[in-house]
């Protein structure tokens, strides 16, 4: 069901939850434990945040530093599907527009469609303090409105 329909049909205030995916390498079991306790409150939907990649700097043998991109919390799409079908509750993945190419964003939307997830929250994303050079020819979504 679409979230806009849930909100339109509401006759009383609704309470939903926002879940942050676990760090890379951690189990979703801790997320399920939290949802197990909250599901009795019958949330109409659960948001699942998305975290863009972070930059880390690794010291090289010569003493210089090399920038490396690292995703610390992957799994937004998979977690949305797991929650939706495990708990029979709608999920709303956050789709970051800044930092992803248009093709990466389109791929995420296609995968969500395959998973039967009809709701998204398109957000621009945080402004990075590190200067990111845009590769010539790379098409990016600077703002969430660019998805239209």
N, C-alpha and C. Protein backbone atom coordinates (compact mmCIF):
# COMPACT_ATOMS: atom_id res chain seq x y z
N UNK A 1 0.85 -1.18 0.00
CA UNK A 1 0.00 0.00 0.00
C UNK A 1 0.89 1.24 0.00
N UNK A 2 0.47 2.23 -0.69
CA UNK A 2 1.24 3.48 -0.74
C UNK A 2 1.07 4.25 0.57
N UNK A 3 2.15 4.85 1.00
CA UNK A 3 2.13 5.62 2.26
C UNK A 3 1.14 6.77 2.17
N UNK A 4 1.02 7.40 1.00
CA UNK A 4 0.07 8.51 0.87
C UNK A 4 -1.36 8.02 1.12
N UNK A 5 -1.66 6.78 0.76
CA UNK A 5 -2.99 6.21 1.03
C UNK A 5 -3.16 5.92 2.51
N UNK A 6 -2.12 5.40 3.15
CA UNK A 6 -2.17 5.15 4.59
C UNK A 6 -2.45 6.45 5.33
N UNK A 7 -1.74 7.50 4.96
CA UNK A 7 -1.92 8.80 5.62
C UNK A 7 -3.31 9.38 5.36
N UNK A 8 -3.80 9.23 4.13
CA UNK A 8 -5.12 9.76 3.78
C UNK A 8 -6.24 9.05 4.53
N UNK A 9 -6.06 7.75 4.81
CA UNK A 9 -7.10 6.97 5.49
C UNK A 9 -7.02 7.06 7.01
N UNK A 10 -5.97 7.67 7.54
CA UNK A 10 -5.76 7.71 8.99
C UNK A 10 -6.85 8.54 9.67
N UNK A 11 -7.39 8.00 10.74
CA UNK A 11 -8.39 8.73 11.53
C UNK A 11 -7.82 9.17 12.87
N UNK A 12 -6.58 8.80 13.14
CA UNK A 12 -5.89 9.20 14.37
C UNK A 12 -4.41 9.31 14.05
N UNK A 13 -3.64 9.93 14.94
CA UNK A 13 -2.21 10.07 14.68
C UNK A 13 -1.54 8.70 14.49
N UNK A 14 -0.56 8.65 13.60
CA UNK A 14 0.19 7.43 13.32
C UNK A 14 1.60 7.56 13.85
N UNK A 15 2.14 6.45 14.28
CA UNK A 15 3.53 6.43 14.74
C UNK A 15 4.28 5.42 13.89
N UNK A 16 5.34 5.88 13.27
CA UNK A 16 6.19 4.99 12.49
C UNK A 16 7.58 5.00 13.10
N UNK A 17 8.44 4.14 12.60
CA UNK A 17 9.80 4.03 13.12
C UNK A 17 10.80 4.19 11.99
N UNK A 18 11.99 4.61 12.36
CA UNK A 18 13.08 4.70 11.40
C UNK A 18 14.20 3.80 11.88
N UNK A 19 14.64 2.93 11.01
CA UNK A 19 15.67 1.95 11.31
C UNK A 19 16.95 2.33 10.57
N UNK A 20 18.06 2.17 11.22
CA UNK A 20 19.37 2.38 10.60
C UNK A 20 19.98 1.01 10.36
N UNK A 21 20.38 0.70 9.12
CA UNK A 21 20.98 -0.61 8.86
C UNK A 21 22.21 -0.83 9.75
N UNK A 22 22.48 -2.08 10.09
CA UNK A 22 23.66 -2.36 10.91
C UNK A 22 24.96 -2.08 10.14
N UNK A 23 26.03 -1.89 10.88
CA UNK A 23 27.33 -1.70 10.26
C UNK A 23 27.69 -2.91 9.40
N UNK A 24 28.51 -2.67 8.41
CA UNK A 24 29.01 -3.74 7.54
C UNK A 24 29.54 -4.88 8.39
N UNK A 25 29.12 -6.08 8.04
CA UNK A 25 29.60 -7.27 8.75
C UNK A 25 28.77 -7.65 9.96
N UNK A 26 27.85 -6.81 10.36
CA UNK A 26 26.99 -7.12 11.52
C UNK A 26 25.71 -7.79 11.04
N UNK A 27 25.04 -8.44 11.94
CA UNK A 27 23.83 -9.17 11.61
C UNK A 27 22.59 -8.28 11.71
N UNK A 28 21.60 -8.60 10.91
CA UNK A 28 20.31 -7.90 10.99
C UNK A 28 19.51 -8.39 12.19
N UNK A 29 20.00 -9.41 12.88
CA UNK A 29 19.30 -9.97 14.04
C UNK A 29 19.00 -8.89 15.08
N UNK A 30 19.95 -7.97 15.32
CA UNK A 30 19.70 -6.92 16.32
C UNK A 30 18.56 -6.00 15.87
N UNK A 31 18.43 -5.78 14.57
CA UNK A 31 17.33 -4.98 14.03
C UNK A 31 16.02 -5.73 14.26
N UNK A 32 16.00 -7.02 13.97
CA UNK A 32 14.80 -7.82 14.18
C UNK A 32 14.39 -7.83 15.65
N UNK A 33 15.36 -7.89 16.56
CA UNK A 33 15.05 -7.87 17.99
C UNK A 33 14.32 -6.59 18.38
N UNK A 34 14.76 -5.47 17.83
CA UNK A 34 14.10 -4.18 18.12
C UNK A 34 12.70 -4.17 17.52
N UNK A 35 12.59 -4.58 16.27
CA UNK A 35 11.27 -4.58 15.62
C UNK A 35 10.32 -5.54 16.32
N UNK A 36 10.82 -6.69 16.79
CA UNK A 36 9.98 -7.64 17.53
C UNK A 36 9.29 -6.95 18.71
N UNK A 37 9.99 -6.03 19.36
CA UNK A 37 9.41 -5.32 20.49
C UNK A 37 8.48 -4.19 20.08
N UNK A 38 8.71 -3.61 18.90
CA UNK A 38 7.92 -2.46 18.46
C UNK A 38 6.72 -2.83 17.61
N UNK A 39 6.69 -4.02 17.03
CA UNK A 39 5.66 -4.38 16.07
C UNK A 39 4.27 -4.44 16.72
N UNK A 40 4.20 -4.70 18.03
CA UNK A 40 2.91 -4.73 18.72
C UNK A 40 2.20 -3.38 18.69
N UNK A 41 2.95 -2.31 18.45
CA UNK A 41 2.37 -0.97 18.37
C UNK A 41 1.79 -0.69 16.97
N UNK A 42 1.87 -1.68 16.11
CA UNK A 42 1.30 -1.64 14.75
C UNK A 42 1.70 -0.40 13.95
N UNK A 43 3.00 -0.24 13.72
CA UNK A 43 3.42 0.90 12.88
C UNK A 43 2.88 0.71 11.46
N UNK A 44 2.36 1.77 10.84
CA UNK A 44 1.84 1.64 9.49
C UNK A 44 2.95 1.47 8.46
N UNK A 45 4.15 1.93 8.81
CA UNK A 45 5.32 1.75 7.95
C UNK A 45 6.58 1.96 8.76
N UNK A 46 7.69 1.48 8.21
CA UNK A 46 9.00 1.64 8.85
C UNK A 46 9.95 2.22 7.81
N UNK A 47 10.59 3.34 8.15
CA UNK A 47 11.61 3.93 7.29
C UNK A 47 12.94 3.22 7.51
N UNK A 48 13.72 3.07 6.46
CA UNK A 48 15.06 2.50 6.57
C UNK A 48 16.02 3.48 5.92
N UNK A 49 16.92 4.02 6.72
CA UNK A 49 17.84 5.04 6.23
C UNK A 49 18.87 4.44 5.28
N UNK A 50 19.52 5.32 4.57
CA UNK A 50 20.58 4.92 3.66
C UNK A 50 21.78 5.80 3.96
N UNK A 51 22.93 5.22 4.01
CA UNK A 51 24.15 5.99 4.29
C UNK A 51 25.08 5.90 3.10
N UNK A 52 25.47 7.06 2.64
CA UNK A 52 26.42 7.11 1.53
C UNK A 52 27.78 6.62 2.01
N UNK A 53 28.64 6.41 1.09
CA UNK A 53 30.00 5.97 1.43
C UNK A 53 30.75 7.07 2.16
N UNK A 54 31.62 6.68 3.03
CA UNK A 54 32.51 7.59 3.74
C UNK A 54 33.90 7.48 3.16
N UNK A 55 34.66 8.53 3.33
CA UNK A 55 36.06 8.50 2.92
C UNK A 55 36.93 8.22 4.12
N UNK A 56 37.87 7.31 3.94
CA UNK A 56 38.89 7.10 4.96
C UNK A 56 40.24 7.32 4.28
N UNK A 57 41.23 7.67 5.06
CA UNK A 57 42.56 7.92 4.52
C UNK A 57 43.53 6.91 5.12
N UNK A 58 44.15 6.15 4.24
CA UNK A 58 45.07 5.10 4.66
C UNK A 58 46.51 5.55 4.41
N UNK A 59 47.34 5.41 5.44
CA UNK A 59 48.73 5.80 5.30
C UNK A 59 49.45 4.78 4.43
N UNK A 60 50.22 5.27 3.49
CA UNK A 60 50.98 4.43 2.56
C UNK A 60 52.38 4.20 3.11
N UNK A 61 53.10 3.27 2.50
CA UNK A 61 54.46 2.94 2.94
C UNK A 61 55.38 4.15 2.90
N UNK A 62 55.15 5.06 1.94
CA UNK A 62 56.03 6.23 1.81
C UNK A 62 55.61 7.40 2.71
N UNK A 63 54.61 7.17 3.57
CA UNK A 63 54.16 8.22 4.49
C UNK A 63 53.04 9.09 3.94
N UNK A 64 52.73 8.93 2.66
CA UNK A 64 51.61 9.69 2.09
C UNK A 64 50.30 9.00 2.46
N UNK A 65 49.21 9.66 2.14
CA UNK A 65 47.90 9.11 2.45
C UNK A 65 47.10 8.93 1.17
N UNK A 66 46.35 7.84 1.12
CA UNK A 66 45.51 7.54 -0.03
C UNK A 66 44.06 7.50 0.44
N UNK A 67 43.21 8.22 -0.30
CA UNK A 67 41.80 8.26 0.03
C UNK A 67 41.13 6.99 -0.47
N UNK A 68 40.32 6.35 0.39
CA UNK A 68 39.59 5.14 0.03
C UNK A 68 38.14 5.33 0.43
N UNK A 69 37.23 4.96 -0.47
CA UNK A 69 35.80 5.05 -0.19
C UNK A 69 35.36 3.77 0.50
N UNK A 70 34.56 3.91 1.55
CA UNK A 70 34.12 2.75 2.32
C UNK A 70 32.65 2.93 2.68
N UNK A 71 31.83 1.95 2.33
CA UNK A 71 30.43 1.96 2.75
C UNK A 71 30.36 1.27 4.10
N UNK A 72 29.88 2.00 5.10
CA UNK A 72 29.83 1.44 6.45
C UNK A 72 28.51 0.75 6.76
N UNK A 73 27.44 1.19 6.10
CA UNK A 73 26.12 0.63 6.40
C UNK A 73 25.36 0.29 5.11
N UNK A 74 25.80 -0.72 4.39
CA UNK A 74 25.05 -1.13 3.20
C UNK A 74 23.83 -1.93 3.63
N UNK A 75 22.97 -2.23 2.70
CA UNK A 75 21.88 -3.15 2.99
C UNK A 75 20.50 -2.55 3.12
N UNK A 76 20.34 -1.28 2.76
CA UNK A 76 19.03 -0.64 2.91
C UNK A 76 17.95 -1.39 2.13
N UNK A 77 18.22 -1.74 0.87
CA UNK A 77 17.21 -2.39 0.04
C UNK A 77 16.85 -3.77 0.57
N UNK A 78 17.87 -4.55 0.91
CA UNK A 78 17.63 -5.89 1.45
C UNK A 78 16.90 -5.86 2.77
N UNK A 79 17.27 -4.92 3.63
CA UNK A 79 16.62 -4.80 4.93
C UNK A 79 15.16 -4.40 4.76
N UNK A 80 14.88 -3.51 3.81
CA UNK A 80 13.49 -3.13 3.54
C UNK A 80 12.66 -4.35 3.14
N UNK A 81 13.18 -5.16 2.23
CA UNK A 81 12.46 -6.34 1.79
C UNK A 81 12.27 -7.33 2.95
N UNK A 82 13.31 -7.53 3.73
CA UNK A 82 13.22 -8.47 4.86
C UNK A 82 12.16 -8.02 5.87
N UNK A 83 12.15 -6.74 6.19
CA UNK A 83 11.17 -6.22 7.15
C UNK A 83 9.75 -6.32 6.58
N UNK A 84 9.60 -5.90 5.32
CA UNK A 84 8.27 -5.91 4.69
C UNK A 84 7.64 -7.29 4.73
N UNK A 85 8.41 -8.30 4.35
CA UNK A 85 7.84 -9.64 4.23
C UNK A 85 7.89 -10.44 5.53
N UNK A 86 8.78 -10.10 6.42
CA UNK A 86 8.85 -10.79 7.72
C UNK A 86 7.75 -10.31 8.65
N UNK A 87 7.47 -8.98 8.63
CA UNK A 87 6.51 -8.38 9.56
C UNK A 87 5.23 -7.91 8.89
N UNK A 88 5.10 -8.06 7.59
CA UNK A 88 3.93 -7.61 6.85
C UNK A 88 3.62 -6.13 7.14
N UNK A 89 4.65 -5.31 7.01
CA UNK A 89 4.50 -3.86 7.21
C UNK A 89 5.22 -3.17 6.05
N UNK A 90 4.65 -2.08 5.59
CA UNK A 90 5.28 -1.33 4.50
C UNK A 90 6.61 -0.74 4.96
N UNK A 91 7.55 -0.66 4.04
CA UNK A 91 8.84 -0.05 4.35
C UNK A 91 9.08 1.11 3.38
N UNK A 92 9.86 2.06 3.85
CA UNK A 92 10.19 3.24 3.05
C UNK A 92 11.71 3.42 3.05
N UNK A 93 12.37 2.93 2.01
CA UNK A 93 13.82 3.14 1.95
C UNK A 93 14.15 4.58 1.60
N UNK A 94 15.19 5.08 2.22
CA UNK A 94 15.69 6.41 1.85
C UNK A 94 16.64 6.21 0.68
N UNK A 95 16.40 6.93 -0.40
CA UNK A 95 17.26 6.87 -1.57
C UNK A 95 18.04 8.17 -1.65
N UNK A 96 19.35 8.06 -1.49
CA UNK A 96 20.21 9.24 -1.56
C UNK A 96 20.48 9.60 -3.01
N UNK A 97 20.37 10.87 -3.31
CA UNK A 97 20.62 11.31 -4.68
C UNK A 97 22.03 11.82 -4.86
N UNK A 98 22.57 12.51 -3.88
CA UNK A 98 23.93 13.02 -3.97
C UNK A 98 24.91 11.87 -3.76
N UNK A 99 25.84 11.76 -4.66
CA UNK A 99 26.86 10.74 -4.52
C UNK A 99 26.62 9.51 -5.37
N UNK A 100 25.40 9.32 -5.85
CA UNK A 100 25.10 8.20 -6.72
C UNK A 100 24.96 8.71 -8.14
N UNK A 101 25.36 7.91 -9.09
CA UNK A 101 25.12 8.28 -10.48
C UNK A 101 23.64 8.06 -10.77
N UNK A 102 23.19 8.63 -11.87
CA UNK A 102 21.79 8.41 -12.25
C UNK A 102 21.53 6.93 -12.51
N UNK A 103 22.50 6.23 -13.07
CA UNK A 103 22.32 4.80 -13.32
C UNK A 103 22.23 4.03 -12.01
N UNK A 104 23.05 4.36 -11.03
CA UNK A 104 22.99 3.69 -9.73
C UNK A 104 21.63 3.94 -9.06
N UNK A 105 21.13 5.16 -9.18
CA UNK A 105 19.82 5.48 -8.61
C UNK A 105 18.74 4.69 -9.34
N UNK A 106 18.81 4.65 -10.66
CA UNK A 106 17.83 3.90 -11.44
C UNK A 106 17.90 2.41 -11.08
N UNK A 107 19.10 1.87 -10.92
CA UNK A 107 19.25 0.46 -10.53
C UNK A 107 18.56 0.18 -9.20
N UNK A 108 18.72 1.08 -8.25
CA UNK A 108 18.08 0.91 -6.94
C UNK A 108 16.57 0.92 -7.09
N UNK A 109 16.04 1.82 -7.91
CA UNK A 109 14.59 1.89 -8.11
C UNK A 109 14.06 0.64 -8.80
N UNK A 110 14.83 0.10 -9.74
CA UNK A 110 14.42 -1.14 -10.42
C UNK A 110 14.40 -2.30 -9.42
N UNK A 111 15.43 -2.39 -8.58
CA UNK A 111 15.47 -3.46 -7.59
C UNK A 111 14.32 -3.35 -6.60
N UNK A 112 13.99 -2.12 -6.18
CA UNK A 112 12.86 -1.94 -5.27
C UNK A 112 11.56 -2.38 -5.93
N UNK A 113 11.42 -2.08 -7.21
CA UNK A 113 10.23 -2.53 -7.94
C UNK A 113 10.16 -4.05 -7.95
N UNK A 114 11.28 -4.72 -8.22
CA UNK A 114 11.31 -6.19 -8.21
C UNK A 114 10.92 -6.75 -6.85
N UNK A 115 11.29 -6.03 -5.79
CA UNK A 115 11.02 -6.49 -4.42
C UNK A 115 9.60 -6.17 -3.96
N UNK A 116 8.84 -5.44 -4.79
CA UNK A 116 7.48 -5.08 -4.41
C UNK A 116 7.41 -3.93 -3.43
N UNK A 117 8.45 -3.12 -3.40
CA UNK A 117 8.48 -1.96 -2.51
C UNK A 117 8.11 -0.73 -3.34
N UNK A 118 6.96 -0.15 -3.01
CA UNK A 118 6.39 0.92 -3.81
C UNK A 118 6.64 2.32 -3.26
N UNK A 119 7.21 2.41 -2.10
CA UNK A 119 7.42 3.70 -1.45
C UNK A 119 8.90 4.00 -1.33
N UNK A 120 9.27 5.26 -1.54
CA UNK A 120 10.65 5.69 -1.29
C UNK A 120 10.61 7.09 -0.71
N UNK A 121 11.66 7.44 -0.02
CA UNK A 121 11.88 8.81 0.41
C UNK A 121 13.16 9.24 -0.29
N UNK A 122 13.01 10.07 -1.31
CA UNK A 122 14.18 10.56 -2.06
C UNK A 122 14.73 11.78 -1.33
N UNK A 123 15.96 11.66 -0.88
CA UNK A 123 16.59 12.76 -0.16
C UNK A 123 17.88 13.16 -0.88
N UNK A 124 18.19 14.43 -0.80
CA UNK A 124 19.40 14.92 -1.44
C UNK A 124 20.62 14.28 -0.80
N UNK A 125 20.65 14.19 0.50
CA UNK A 125 21.80 13.63 1.21
C UNK A 125 22.63 14.74 1.81
N UNK A 126 23.47 14.37 2.73
CA UNK A 126 24.31 15.35 3.41
C UNK A 126 25.37 15.89 2.48
N UNK A 127 25.72 17.13 2.72
CA UNK A 127 26.81 17.75 1.96
C UNK A 127 28.12 17.22 2.53
N UNK A 128 28.94 16.69 1.66
CA UNK A 128 30.23 16.16 2.08
C UNK A 128 31.20 17.32 2.29
N UNK A 129 31.99 17.23 3.33
CA UNK A 129 33.01 18.25 3.58
C UNK A 129 34.23 18.03 2.71
N UNK A 130 34.35 16.85 2.18
CA UNK A 130 35.48 16.57 1.29
C UNK A 130 35.08 17.00 -0.12
N UNK A 131 36.01 17.57 -0.84
CA UNK A 131 35.73 17.99 -2.20
C UNK A 131 35.74 16.77 -3.10
N UNK A 132 34.60 16.54 -3.75
CA UNK A 132 34.49 15.40 -4.66
C UNK A 132 34.56 15.91 -6.08
N UNK A 133 35.47 15.38 -6.83
CA UNK A 133 35.60 15.78 -8.22
C UNK A 133 34.63 14.96 -9.05
N UNK A 134 33.83 15.65 -9.86
CA UNK A 134 32.89 14.96 -10.73
C UNK A 134 33.63 14.53 -11.99
N UNK A 135 33.60 13.26 -12.29
CA UNK A 135 34.26 12.71 -13.48
C UNK A 135 33.49 13.20 -14.71
N UNK A 136 34.19 13.74 -15.70
CA UNK A 136 33.50 14.21 -16.90
C UNK A 136 32.63 13.11 -17.52
N UNK A 137 31.41 13.48 -17.91
CA UNK A 137 30.49 12.53 -18.51
C UNK A 137 29.65 11.77 -17.50
N UNK A 138 29.97 11.89 -16.22
CA UNK A 138 29.20 11.19 -15.19
C UNK A 138 27.95 12.01 -14.89
N UNK A 139 26.81 11.40 -15.00
CA UNK A 139 25.56 12.09 -14.73
C UNK A 139 25.14 11.81 -13.31
N UNK A 140 24.98 12.87 -12.55
CA UNK A 140 24.61 12.72 -11.14
C UNK A 140 23.31 13.46 -10.88
N UNK A 141 22.68 13.10 -9.78
CA UNK A 141 21.50 13.80 -9.30
C UNK A 141 21.97 14.73 -8.19
N UNK A 142 22.08 16.01 -8.48
CA UNK A 142 22.55 16.94 -7.47
C UNK A 142 21.52 17.10 -6.36
N UNK A 143 20.25 17.10 -6.74
CA UNK A 143 19.15 17.25 -5.78
C UNK A 143 18.13 16.15 -6.03
N UNK A 144 17.33 15.84 -5.01
CA UNK A 144 16.33 14.78 -5.17
C UNK A 144 15.30 15.12 -6.24
N UNK A 145 15.05 16.38 -6.48
CA UNK A 145 14.11 16.77 -7.53
C UNK A 145 14.62 16.34 -8.91
N UNK A 146 15.92 16.11 -9.03
CA UNK A 146 16.50 15.69 -10.31
C UNK A 146 16.05 14.28 -10.71
N UNK A 147 15.42 13.54 -9.80
CA UNK A 147 14.92 12.22 -10.15
C UNK A 147 13.72 12.29 -11.07
N UNK A 148 13.03 13.43 -11.07
CA UNK A 148 11.81 13.56 -11.88
C UNK A 148 12.12 13.51 -13.37
